[in-house]
Amino acid sequence: MRLQTNGFTFLEILFGLLIMGIFAGIMVPRLFRIQRDFRGTFVQEFQALVQKTIGDATVSGTVHKVLFDFNQKEVRVERAQKPGFIDFKNAAGFVPTEGLVRIPPQLELLQLVIDGRNEIDAATTQSWFFVDFMGNVQPVSFVLVQEGEDVEVTYATNPFSGMLEQKT
């Protein structure tokens, strides 16, 4: 009679199952605690939208506005129909351009401060800030809170670079 050496012994199989069970016991609860970073994703997309708008404004020589639509929960860009400065008494009007960032339902915009005025308190459905034809961004700050978190984070635009800076 020949002794077979192919395959695994019962103890080796039991030991493998034990290690997999310990690994699953550690990893499965962690998977349920992982929460997506909706705030970080939105801030990155918003930053990219502002940077694209700065480039478009300087190349086209037209003023652009970055518009927050609170009803649609989105941020989009419009550009002036005529290049150069805007006479706000006789505004030439704005036309939509490419560029849209959706505000995830898991995020709440607590404040949107443009030129020292909180637009959320103004009970408007839309609010905007301008990027002039030289690429300068109107000073803006906003406060975001993500669902399930108690942390309010404030972001502000640098008027010269258009980059977002986290304040808190």
Protein backbone atom coordinates (compact mmCIF):
# COMPACT_ATOMS: atom_id res chain seq x y z
CA MET A 1 0.00 0.00 0.00
CA ARG A 2 1.21 3.42 -0.97
CA LEU A 3 0.92 6.46 1.23
CA GLN A 4 -0.69 9.38 -0.60
CA THR A 5 0.95 12.79 -0.19
CA ASN A 6 -1.20 14.75 -2.66
CA GLY A 7 -3.64 17.23 -1.12
CA PHE A 8 -4.09 18.83 2.28
CA THR A 9 -4.56 17.27 5.65
CA PHE A 10 -7.60 17.98 7.76
CA LEU A 11 -5.52 20.14 10.14
CA GLU A 12 -4.16 22.28 7.29
CA ILE A 13 -7.68 22.94 5.99
CA LEU A 14 -8.90 23.75 9.50
CA PHE A 15 -5.98 26.13 10.05
CA GLY A 16 -6.68 27.91 6.71
CA LEU A 17 -10.36 28.33 7.59
CA LEU A 18 -9.41 29.70 11.00
CA ILE A 19 -7.15 32.35 9.47
CA MET A 20 -9.82 33.34 6.91
CA GLY A 21 -12.40 33.59 9.71
CA ILE A 22 -10.17 35.88 11.77
CA PHE A 23 -9.47 38.05 8.72
CA ALA A 24 -13.19 38.30 7.89
CA GLY A 25 -14.01 39.11 11.52
CA ILE A 26 -11.64 42.06 11.40
CA MET A 27 -12.41 43.38 7.90
CA VAL A 28 -16.20 43.04 7.57
CA PRO A 29 -17.06 45.48 10.40
CA ARG A 30 -14.59 48.00 8.96
CA LEU A 31 -16.28 47.86 5.56
CA PHE A 32 -19.56 48.98 7.10
CA ARG A 33 -17.86 51.95 8.79
CA ILE A 34 -16.27 53.26 5.59
CA GLN A 35 -18.05 56.43 4.53
CA ARG A 36 -17.47 58.18 1.23
CA ASP A 37 -15.91 61.60 1.39
CA PHE A 38 -18.61 63.54 -0.44
CA ARG A 39 -17.22 66.85 0.80
CA GLY A 40 -13.74 66.15 -0.56
CA THR A 41 -15.10 65.02 -3.91
CA PHE A 42 -17.32 68.09 -4.24
CA VAL A 43 -14.49 70.46 -3.28
CA GLN A 44 -12.16 68.89 -5.88
CA GLU A 45 -14.80 69.11 -8.62
CA PHE A 46 -15.69 72.69 -7.63
CA GLN A 47 -12.00 73.66 -7.64
CA ALA A 48 -11.57 72.17 -11.12
CA LEU A 49 -14.66 74.07 -12.33
CA VAL A 50 -13.32 77.39 -11.00
CA GLN A 51 -9.89 76.79 -12.54
CA LYS A 52 -11.48 75.95 -15.91
CA THR A 53 -13.61 79.08 -15.64
CA ILE A 54 -10.53 81.23 -14.97
CA GLY A 55 -8.89 79.82 -18.09
CA ASP A 56 -12.00 80.31 -20.21
CA ALA A 57 -12.46 83.88 -18.97
CA THR A 58 -8.90 84.93 -19.77
CA VAL A 59 -8.87 83.24 -23.20
CA SER A 60 -12.27 84.58 -24.28
CA GLY A 61 -11.87 88.00 -22.65
CA THR A 62 -15.34 87.75 -21.12
CA VAL A 63 -16.64 87.87 -17.58
CA HIS A 64 -17.97 84.55 -16.30
CA LYS A 65 -20.24 83.86 -13.38
CA VAL A 66 -20.21 80.74 -11.25
CA LEU A 67 -23.83 80.16 -10.31
CA PHE A 68 -25.09 78.18 -7.31
CA ASP A 69 -28.59 76.85 -7.94
CA PHE A 70 -29.97 75.87 -4.54
CA ASN A 71 -33.12 74.20 -5.92
CA GLN A 72 -31.25 72.01 -8.40
CA LYS A 73 -28.33 71.50 -5.95
CA GLU A 74 -25.75 72.27 -8.60
CA VAL A 75 -23.06 74.76 -9.53
CA ARG A 76 -22.78 75.83 -13.16
CA VAL A 77 -20.99 78.47 -15.21
CA GLU A 78 -22.32 81.19 -17.50
CA ARG A 79 -20.36 83.70 -19.57
CA ALA A 80 -21.15 87.24 -20.62
CA GLN A 81 -22.33 87.62 -24.20
CA LYS A 82 -19.97 90.55 -24.80
CA PRO A 83 -16.25 90.65 -23.98
CA GLY A 84 -14.66 93.13 -21.57
CA PHE A 85 -16.19 94.92 -18.62
CA ILE A 86 -19.85 94.58 -17.73
CA ASP A 87 -22.07 97.59 -17.29
CA PHE A 88 -24.49 96.24 -14.71
CA LYS A 89 -27.09 98.88 -15.53
CA ASN A 90 -27.25 97.62 -19.11
CA ALA A 91 -26.12 94.04 -18.61
CA ALA A 92 -25.55 92.22 -21.87
CA GLY A 93 -26.78 88.98 -20.42
CA PHE A 94 -25.12 85.66 -19.81
CA VAL A 95 -25.23 82.39 -21.71
CA PRO A 96 -24.61 78.91 -20.27
CA THR A 97 -21.25 77.25 -20.87
CA GLU A 98 -19.92 73.78 -20.31
CA GLY A 99 -19.25 72.98 -16.71
CA LEU A 100 -21.51 71.63 -14.02
CA VAL A 101 -20.89 70.30 -10.52
CA ARG A 102 -23.68 68.65 -8.58
CA ILE A 103 -23.90 69.15 -4.83
CA PRO A 104 -24.40 65.65 -3.40
CA PRO A 105 -27.54 65.16 -1.29
CA GLN A 106 -25.25 64.06 1.57
CA LEU A 107 -23.79 67.59 1.74
CA GLU A 108 -25.47 70.62 3.24
CA LEU A 109 -24.36 74.10 2.28
CA LEU A 110 -24.76 76.04 5.54
CA GLN A 111 -23.33 79.36 4.36
CA LEU A 112 -22.38 80.92 1.06
CA VAL A 113 -20.79 84.31 1.70
CA ILE A 114 -20.20 86.54 -1.33
CA ASP A 115 -18.90 90.06 -0.63
CA GLY A 116 -19.71 89.70 3.07
CA ARG A 117 -23.35 88.70 2.56
CA ASN A 118 -24.64 85.23 3.42
CA GLU A 119 -26.66 84.24 0.37
CA ILE A 120 -28.31 81.32 2.18
CA ASP A 121 -29.94 83.74 4.64
CA ALA A 122 -31.19 85.86 1.75
CA ALA A 123 -33.70 83.12 0.87
CA THR A 124 -32.76 83.19 -2.81
CA THR A 125 -32.90 80.21 -5.13
CA GLN A 126 -29.73 81.19 -6.99
CA SER A 127 -26.57 83.06 -6.16
CA TRP A 128 -23.35 83.66 -8.05
CA PHE A 129 -19.90 85.13 -8.00
CA PHE A 130 -17.88 86.53 -10.88
CA VAL A 131 -14.60 85.67 -12.56
CA ASP A 132 -13.45 88.70 -14.54
CA PHE A 133 -11.81 88.60 -17.96
CA MET A 134 -8.35 88.85 -16.32
CA GLY A 135 -8.99 85.70 -14.25
CA ASN A 136 -9.61 87.40 -10.91
CA VAL A 137 -12.17 85.61 -8.74
CA GLN A 138 -14.65 87.46 -6.56
CA PRO A 139 -14.02 86.58 -2.88
CA VAL A 140 -16.31 83.75 -1.79
CA SER A 141 -16.49 81.48 1.22
CA PHE A 142 -18.83 78.62 2.01
CA VAL A 143 -19.45 76.21 4.86
CA LEU A 144 -20.16 72.54 4.19
CA VAL A 145 -21.26 69.77 6.51
CA GLN A 146 -21.48 66.13 5.45
CA GLU A 147 -24.39 63.94 6.52
CA GLY A 148 -23.47 61.88 9.56
CA GLU A 149 -20.70 64.26 10.65
CA ASP A 150 -20.78 67.15 13.09
CA VAL A 151 -17.81 68.93 11.52
CA GLU A 152 -18.50 72.18 9.66
CA VAL A 153 -15.71 73.01 7.23
CA THR A 154 -15.23 76.48 5.75
CA TYR A 155 -13.61 77.03 2.36
CA ALA A 156 -12.65 80.38 0.82
CA THR A 157 -11.42 81.33 -2.63
CA ASN A 158 -8.16 83.13 -3.07
CA PRO A 159 -9.14 86.05 -5.34
CA PHE A 160 -5.89 85.99 -7.29
CA SER A 161 -5.32 82.28 -7.85
CA GLY A 162 -8.92 81.10 -7.54
CA MET A 163 -7.70 78.23 -5.36
CA LEU A 164 -9.87 77.06 -2.48
CA GLU A 165 -8.35 77.29 0.96
CA GLN A 166 -9.75 75.31 3.87
CA LYS A 167 -10.28 77.60 6.86
CA THR A 168 -11.51 75.20 9.57
